[in-house]
Amino acid sequence: MAKILVVDDEADLEILIKQKFRKKIRNKEYEFLFAENGRHALEKLLEDPEVDIVLSDINMPEMDGLTLLTKLNELSPLIKSVIVSAYGDMENIRTAMNRGAFDFITKPINFEDLTLTMEKTLKHAKHIKETLQAIKENNILKMYVDENVLNFMGNREYESTIMANETIEATVVFIDICGFTKISENAEADTVVKLVNSYFDEMVKEIMEHKGYIDKFIGDAIMAVFRGEYHLDRAIDASLAVCEKINNLPALEGNLDYKPKVSIGIKSGEMISGNIGSVSLKRLDYTVIGDTVNTAARLQDAAKENQIIISEDCYNKVKESFQCEKVGSINLKNKANPLTIYQVIE
């Protein structure tokens, strides 16, 4: 329902407006508010900021319509205004337009012309509000959705290829905050959320610094993906930086008595990248899946505090760039043979 504020000191105009637009009022398409001058109009707008357009006379006591236009731009620049006045000379029209009026109608009022002008003005006001809402929603979306997803959505063909996927060569990193479950059991919910968000923020900075992206947050863990040149090296550099950053954070005092540490699993190789989920439900997750991803998660499970665990094939790729130490062989879930693992030292 469109809200329209009529500003005019002629009492008869209110009766006339209600008669001419009675069907739209009854059908809840229009809601009219009335004010006898500019000062009263500003008071109305403060009381009801949801007004879409203002129809205002020029010649009124206390505050005229041209002064109201100036005040209106200061108070609420999104509200569109139309001047409805008997003073339809070019000087008044130009002054009104220069002060932000969307249109100008002369008295006596032609209600057919007024209706068309109102509809045009309401359409314009709605378009502006929808544009601003879209910008707001887009900014919010950027907080929840990774840049890779936004780039994918920017593809003109994305709707027809929404379930398409590709095989890529990349590195997956799982980072878990050690011992945080115990904190969750003993601390207030808002304290837990603030803590985990503060830790995540420190980790994400390092991941982004090394050109990785966050695939998802999983409870108190992060899944990150590194693509492109030297993706394994960048993933390890980011993991070392995360360990150092988290280790330098102060311990919690009081009843919590907690010092944050992380355990990290890294695996590089082929994986499937694309939208996973249900088109029918309209719930999709742009992610990576495959044995490489599963193995990285298992390596993180095997890692201890301050350990960065990689597989032997990853070690062979980076042994000349990073100091690593053999840990031994472990059995991983759903793996027939033991896997030799290494710890990245520096």
Protein backbone atom coordinates (compact mmCIF):
# COMPACT_ATOMS: atom_id res chain seq x y z
CA MET A 1 0.00 0.00 0.00
CA ALA A 2 1.40 3.34 -1.10
CA LYS A 3 1.49 6.12 1.49
CA ILE A 4 0.83 9.61 0.13
CA LEU A 5 1.10 12.81 2.16
CA VAL A 6 -1.06 15.68 0.86
CA VAL A 7 0.07 19.13 2.08
CA ASP A 8 -2.49 21.87 1.48
CA ASP A 9 -4.29 24.45 3.62
CA GLU A 10 -7.58 24.00 1.72
CA ALA A 11 -9.79 21.77 3.87
CA ASP A 12 -12.00 20.91 0.91
CA LEU A 13 -9.09 19.20 -0.87
CA GLU A 14 -8.95 16.44 1.76
CA ILE A 15 -12.64 15.63 1.18
CA LEU A 16 -12.15 15.73 -2.60
CA ILE A 17 -9.08 13.44 -2.49
CA LYS A 18 -10.92 10.89 -0.35
CA GLN A 19 -13.88 10.94 -2.76
CA LYS A 20 -11.84 10.63 -5.97
CA PHE A 21 -9.62 7.83 -4.65
CA ARG A 22 -12.19 6.04 -2.48
CA LYS A 23 -11.87 2.74 -4.39
CA LYS A 24 -8.08 2.63 -4.07
CA ILE A 25 -8.36 3.60 -0.41
CA ARG A 26 -10.97 0.90 0.17
CA ASN A 27 -8.82 -1.68 -1.66
CA LYS A 28 -5.83 -0.63 0.46
CA GLU A 29 -3.84 0.45 -2.60
CA TYR A 30 -3.42 4.01 -1.30
CA GLU A 31 -3.27 5.49 2.18
CA PHE A 32 -3.52 9.28 2.37
CA LEU A 33 -2.16 11.47 5.14
CA PHE A 34 -2.95 15.18 5.31
CA ALA A 35 -1.13 18.28 6.59
CA GLU A 36 -2.16 21.94 6.40
CA ASN A 37 1.33 23.40 5.85
CA GLY A 38 5.01 22.56 5.48
CA ARG A 39 5.74 22.57 9.20
CA HIS A 40 2.87 20.18 9.90
CA ALA A 41 4.04 17.98 7.00
CA LEU A 42 7.52 17.60 8.50
CA GLU A 43 5.94 16.57 11.79
CA LYS A 44 3.86 13.95 9.96
CA LEU A 45 6.95 12.60 8.21
CA LEU A 46 8.79 12.25 11.51
CA GLU A 47 5.82 10.31 12.87
CA ASP A 48 5.51 8.13 9.77
CA PRO A 49 8.80 7.79 7.82
CA GLU A 50 7.23 5.19 5.47
CA VAL A 51 5.59 7.90 3.31
CA ASP A 52 6.35 7.28 -0.37
CA ILE A 53 5.43 10.58 -2.03
CA VAL A 54 4.36 14.09 -1.05
CA LEU A 55 1.78 16.20 -2.93
CA SER A 56 2.25 19.81 -1.85
CA ASP A 57 0.75 23.21 -2.56
CA ILE A 58 3.05 26.26 -2.74
CA ASN A 59 1.14 29.04 -0.98
CA MET A 60 0.54 27.97 2.65
CA PRO A 61 0.87 29.66 6.08
CA GLU A 62 3.87 29.08 8.40
CA MET A 63 5.89 27.14 5.79
CA ASP A 64 5.23 27.24 2.05
CA GLY A 65 5.69 24.36 -0.39
CA LEU A 66 8.97 25.56 -1.89
CA THR A 67 10.54 25.83 1.57
CA LEU A 68 9.14 22.38 2.36
CA LEU A 69 10.98 20.96 -0.67
CA THR A 70 14.29 22.16 0.77
CA LYS A 71 13.51 20.74 4.21
CA LEU A 72 12.24 17.51 2.66
CA ASN A 73 15.57 16.85 0.94
CA GLU A 74 17.33 17.33 4.25
CA LEU A 75 14.90 15.11 6.18
CA SER A 76 14.30 12.28 3.73
CA PRO A 77 15.86 12.56 0.25
CA LEU A 78 14.23 9.27 -0.83
CA ILE A 79 10.70 10.70 -0.67
CA LYS A 80 9.60 12.02 -4.06
CA SER A 81 7.45 15.18 -4.17
CA VAL A 82 4.97 16.65 -6.63
CA ILE A 83 3.93 20.31 -6.45
CA VAL A 84 0.19 20.88 -6.94
CA SER A 85 -0.40 24.61 -7.17
CA ALA A 86 -2.31 27.37 -8.92
CA TYR A 87 1.00 29.25 -9.22
CA GLY A 88 2.08 27.46 -12.39
CA ASP A 89 4.34 30.16 -13.83
CA MET A 90 7.75 29.17 -15.15
CA GLU A 91 9.63 30.76 -12.24
CA ASN A 92 7.78 28.65 -9.65
CA ILE A 93 8.14 25.51 -11.77
CA ARG A 94 11.89 26.02 -12.18
CA THR A 95 12.33 26.79 -8.47
CA ALA A 96 10.38 23.67 -7.52
CA MET A 97 12.37 21.47 -9.88
CA ASN A 98 15.68 22.92 -8.70
CA ARG A 99 14.67 22.11 -5.13
CA GLY A 100 13.97 18.48 -5.95
CA ALA A 101 10.33 18.26 -7.05
CA PHE A 102 9.68 15.23 -9.25
CA ASP A 103 6.79 16.87 -11.14
CA PHE A 104 4.46 19.87 -11.16
CA ILE A 105 0.66 19.96 -11.56
CA THR A 106 -1.41 23.15 -11.81
CA LYS A 107 -4.75 23.87 -10.18
CA PRO A 108 -7.61 23.45 -10.72
CA ILE A 109 -6.67 19.80 -10.44
CA ASN A 110 -7.30 17.46 -13.36
CA PHE A 111 -7.66 14.21 -11.39
CA GLU A 112 -6.91 12.03 -14.39
CA ASP A 113 -3.62 13.87 -14.81
CA LEU A 114 -3.01 13.70 -11.04
CA THR A 115 -3.61 9.94 -11.01
CA LEU A 116 -1.12 9.33 -13.84
CA THR A 117 1.44 11.61 -12.18
CA MET A 118 1.01 9.87 -8.82
CA GLU A 119 1.44 6.43 -10.41
CA LYS A 120 4.54 7.58 -12.28
CA THR A 121 6.00 9.14 -9.13
CA LEU A 122 5.18 6.09 -6.99
CA LYS A 123 6.81 3.83 -9.58
CA HIS A 124 9.94 5.98 -9.54
CA ALA A 125 10.02 6.04 -5.71
CA LYS A 126 9.56 2.26 -5.59
CA HIS A 127 12.37 1.75 -8.09
CA ILE A 128 14.75 3.85 -5.99
CA LYS A 129 13.85 1.95 -2.81
CA GLU A 130 14.24 -1.41 -4.56
CA THR A 131 17.64 -0.36 -5.91
CA LEU A 132 18.84 0.71 -2.47
CA GLN A 133 17.45 -2.50 -0.97
CA ALA A 134 19.27 -4.54 -3.61
CA ILE A 135 22.53 -2.75 -2.79
CA LYS A 136 21.95 -3.41 0.90
CA GLU A 137 21.15 -7.07 0.27
CA ASN A 138 24.17 -7.40 -2.02
CA ASN A 139 26.43 -6.03 0.70
CA ILE A 140 24.89 -8.47 3.19
CA LEU A 141 25.26 -11.30 0.66
CA LYS A 142 28.97 -10.58 0.39
CA MET A 143 29.26 -11.28 4.12
CA TYR A 144 27.77 -14.76 3.70
CA VAL A 145 28.90 -15.82 0.24
CA ASP A 146 32.42 -16.30 -1.02
CA GLU A 147 33.72 -14.18 -3.89
CA ASN A 148 33.96 -17.27 -6.11
CA VAL A 149 30.21 -17.79 -5.76
CA LEU A 150 29.49 -14.14 -6.59
CA ASN A 151 31.72 -14.41 -9.66
CA PHE A 152 29.83 -17.54 -10.68
CA MET A 153 26.50 -15.73 -10.21
CA GLY A 154 27.80 -12.90 -12.38
CA ASN A 155 28.10 -15.31 -15.30
CA ARG A 156 25.22 -14.64 -17.71
CA GLU A 157 24.80 -18.40 -18.23
CA TYR A 158 24.75 -19.36 -14.56
CA GLU A 159 21.04 -20.21 -14.42
CA SER A 160 21.31 -22.75 -17.23
CA THR A 161 24.55 -24.22 -15.86
CA ILE A 162 23.77 -23.98 -12.17
CA MET A 163 24.34 -27.71 -11.54
CA ALA A 164 27.43 -27.91 -13.77
CA ASN A 165 30.72 -28.85 -12.12
CA GLU A 166 34.39 -29.10 -12.98
CA THR A 167 37.40 -31.13 -11.92
CA ILE A 168 40.10 -28.91 -10.52
CA GLU A 169 43.55 -29.26 -9.00
CA ALA A 170 43.65 -27.50 -5.64
CA THR A 171 44.56 -27.75 -1.96
CA VAL A 172 42.09 -28.13 0.89
CA VAL A 173 42.87 -27.07 4.44
CA PHE A 174 40.87 -27.99 7.53
CA ILE A 175 41.61 -25.93 10.65
CA ASP A 176 40.08 -26.87 14.00
CA ILE A 177 40.18 -24.88 17.24
CA CYS A 178 41.41 -27.45 19.74
CA GLY A 179 39.46 -28.00 22.95
CA PHE A 180 36.78 -25.48 22.10
CA THR A 181 33.97 -27.95 22.71
CA LYS A 182 34.78 -27.83 26.42
CA ILE A 183 34.45 -24.04 26.35
CA SER A 184 31.06 -24.39 24.65
CA GLU A 185 29.85 -26.61 27.47
CA ASN A 186 30.86 -24.24 30.27
CA ALA A 187 30.42 -20.73 28.85
CA GLU A 188 27.38 -18.63 27.97
CA ALA A 189 26.21 -18.92 24.37
CA ASP A 190 26.99 -15.27 23.50
CA THR A 191 30.49 -15.66 24.98
CA VAL A 192 31.10 -18.75 22.85
CA VAL A 193 29.96 -17.02 19.68
CA LYS A 194 32.09 -13.92 20.34
CA LEU A 195 35.14 -16.06 21.07
CA VAL A 196 34.88 -18.32 18.04
CA ASN A 197 34.19 -15.32 15.78
CA SER A 198 37.26 -13.52 17.10
CA TYR A 199 39.42 -16.61 16.47
CA PHE A 200 37.92 -17.13 13.02
CA ASP A 201 38.59 -13.51 12.13
CA GLU A 202 42.30 -13.90 12.87
CA MET A 203 42.49 -17.11 10.82
CA VAL A 204 40.53 -15.78 7.86
CA LYS A 205 42.85 -12.78 7.55
CA GLU A 206 45.82 -15.09 7.04
CA ILE A 207 43.96 -17.36 4.61
CA MET A 208 42.90 -14.40 2.49
CA GLU A 209 46.38 -12.89 2.70
CA HIS A 210 47.65 -16.02 0.94
CA LYS A 211 44.86 -15.91 -1.65
CA GLY A 212 42.81 -18.77 -0.26
CA TYR A 213 39.06 -18.64 0.16
CA ILE A 214 36.77 -19.88 2.88
CA ASP A 215 34.59 -22.73 1.68
CA LYS A 216 32.65 -22.98 4.92
CA PHE A 217 32.67 -22.68 8.70
CA ILE A 218 31.91 -26.00 10.39
CA GLY A 219 31.20 -25.45 14.07
CA ASP A 220 34.59 -24.43 15.47
CA ALA A 221 36.48 -25.41 12.31
CA ILE A 222 37.25 -23.82 8.96
CA MET A 223 37.44 -25.43 5.55
CA ALA A 224 39.57 -23.38 3.15
CA VAL A 225 40.49 -23.96 -0.49
CA PHE A 226 43.53 -22.74 -2.40
CA ARG A 227 43.50 -22.69 -6.20
CA GLY A 228 45.86 -21.45 -8.89
CA GLU A 229 49.65 -21.32 -8.97
CA TYR A 230 51.56 -22.72 -5.97
CA HIS A 231 48.27 -23.54 -4.24
CA LEU A 232 49.90 -26.12 -1.93
CA ASP A 233 52.74 -23.75 -0.95
CA ARG A 234 50.29 -20.94 -0.24
CA ALA A 235 48.11 -23.25 1.81
CA ILE A 236 51.05 -24.27 3.98
CA ASP A 237 52.25 -20.67 4.34
CA ALA A 238 48.75 -19.66 5.44
CA SER A 239 48.57 -22.54 7.92
CA LEU A 240 51.91 -21.61 9.48
CA ALA A 241 50.73 -18.00 9.77
CA VAL A 242 47.45 -19.13 11.37
CA CYS A 243 49.33 -21.21 13.96
CA GLU A 244 51.60 -18.30 14.83
CA LYS A 245 48.72 -15.84 15.05
CA ILE A 246 46.59 -18.09 17.26
CA ASN A 247 49.53 -18.97 19.52
CA ASN A 248 50.16 -15.29 20.14
CA LEU A 249 46.61 -14.67 21.33
CA PRO A 250 46.27 -14.25 25.10
CA ALA A 251 44.83 -16.99 27.28
CA LEU A 252 41.35 -16.53 28.69
CA GLU A 253 41.23 -15.72 32.36
CA GLY A 254 38.67 -16.52 35.04
CA ASN A 255 36.49 -19.60 34.98
CA LEU A 256 37.20 -20.44 31.34
CA ASP A 257 41.00 -20.85 31.67
CA TYR A 258 41.58 -21.46 27.97
CA LYS A 259 44.53 -20.89 25.61
CA PRO A 260 43.59 -21.21 21.94
CA LYS A 261 45.46 -23.73 19.77
CA VAL A 262 44.71 -25.15 16.34
CA SER A 263 45.18 -28.46 14.55
CA ILE A 264 45.42 -28.47 10.76
CA GLY A 265 45.12 -31.05 7.99
CA ILE A 266 46.20 -30.33 4.41
CA LYS A 267 45.72 -32.36 1.22
CA SER A 268 46.38 -31.39 -2.38
CA GLY A 269 45.00 -33.05 -5.50
CA GLU A 270 41.99 -33.39 -7.78
CA MET A 271 38.51 -32.53 -6.57
CA ILE A 272 35.09 -31.67 -7.97
CA SER A 273 34.07 -28.01 -7.77
CA GLY A 274 30.48 -26.89 -8.23
CA ASN A 275 27.05 -26.42 -6.70
CA ILE A 276 25.98 -29.25 -4.42
CA GLY A 277 22.45 -29.44 -3.06
CA SER A 278 18.83 -29.37 -4.14
CA VAL A 279 17.54 -27.19 -6.96
CA SER A 280 13.97 -28.07 -5.93
CA LEU A 281 14.56 -26.75 -2.43
CA LYS A 282 16.60 -23.84 -3.83
CA ARG A 283 19.38 -24.60 -1.37
CA LEU A 284 22.83 -25.01 -2.89
CA ASP A 285 26.35 -24.97 -1.55
CA TYR A 286 29.13 -23.91 -3.89
CA THR A 287 31.89 -26.19 -2.65
CA VAL A 288 34.47 -28.85 -3.46
CA ILE A 289 34.04 -32.56 -2.84
CA GLY A 290 36.03 -35.73 -3.44
CA ASP A 291 38.61 -38.02 -1.90
CA THR A 292 41.13 -35.18 -1.54
CA VAL A 293 38.68 -33.21 0.58
CA ASN A 294 37.79 -36.22 2.73
CA THR A 295 41.46 -37.02 3.29
CA ALA A 296 42.23 -33.45 4.36
CA ALA A 297 39.46 -33.69 6.96
CA ARG A 298 40.84 -37.03 8.25
CA LEU A 299 44.35 -35.54 8.46
CA GLN A 300 43.01 -32.74 10.60
CA ASP A 301 41.36 -35.32 12.88
CA ALA A 302 44.77 -36.96 13.30
CA ALA A 303 46.59 -33.69 13.99
CA LYS A 304 47.38 -32.62 17.55
CA GLU A 305 47.61 -29.11 18.98
CA ASN A 306 49.87 -26.88 16.86
CA GLN A 307 50.34 -29.62 14.29
CA ILE A 308 50.07 -29.12 10.56
CA ILE A 309 49.71 -32.57 9.02
CA ILE A 310 50.23 -33.31 5.32
CA SER A 311 50.27 -36.53 3.31
CA GLU A 312 53.41 -38.08 1.83
CA ASP A 313 52.58 -37.00 -1.73
CA CYS A 314 52.24 -33.41 -0.52
CA TYR A 315 55.51 -33.72 1.39
CA ASN A 316 57.32 -34.82 -1.80
CA LYS A 317 56.08 -31.69 -3.57
CA VAL A 318 57.18 -29.21 -0.88
CA LYS A 319 60.10 -30.86 0.93
CA GLU A 320 62.59 -28.46 -0.64
CA SER A 321 60.54 -25.41 0.42
CA PHE A 322 59.42 -26.36 3.94
CA GLN A 323 61.00 -28.14 6.88
CA CYS A 324 58.92 -31.19 7.63
CA GLU A 325 59.17 -34.11 10.02
CA LYS A 326 57.89 -37.62 9.45
CA VAL A 327 55.21 -38.59 11.95
CA GLY A 328 54.54 -42.15 10.83
CA SER A 329 51.70 -44.11 9.29
CA ILE A 330 48.06 -43.90 10.30
CA ASN A 331 44.90 -45.70 9.31
CA LEU A 332 42.20 -43.46 7.92
CA LYS A 333 38.51 -44.24 7.79
CA ASN A 334 37.45 -45.87 4.50
CA LYS A 335 41.09 -46.23 3.43
CA ALA A 336 42.40 -49.73 2.72
CA ASN A 337 46.07 -48.90 3.27
CA PRO A 338 47.81 -46.86 5.98
CA LEU A 339 48.82 -43.33 5.03
CA THR A 340 52.26 -41.92 5.78
CA ILE A 341 52.00 -38.42 7.21
CA TYR A 342 54.38 -35.55 7.90
CA GLN A 343 54.30 -32.58 10.21
CA VAL A 344 55.21 -29.16 8.77
CA ILE A 345 57.66 -27.44 11.13
CA GLU A 346 58.48 -24.25 9.24
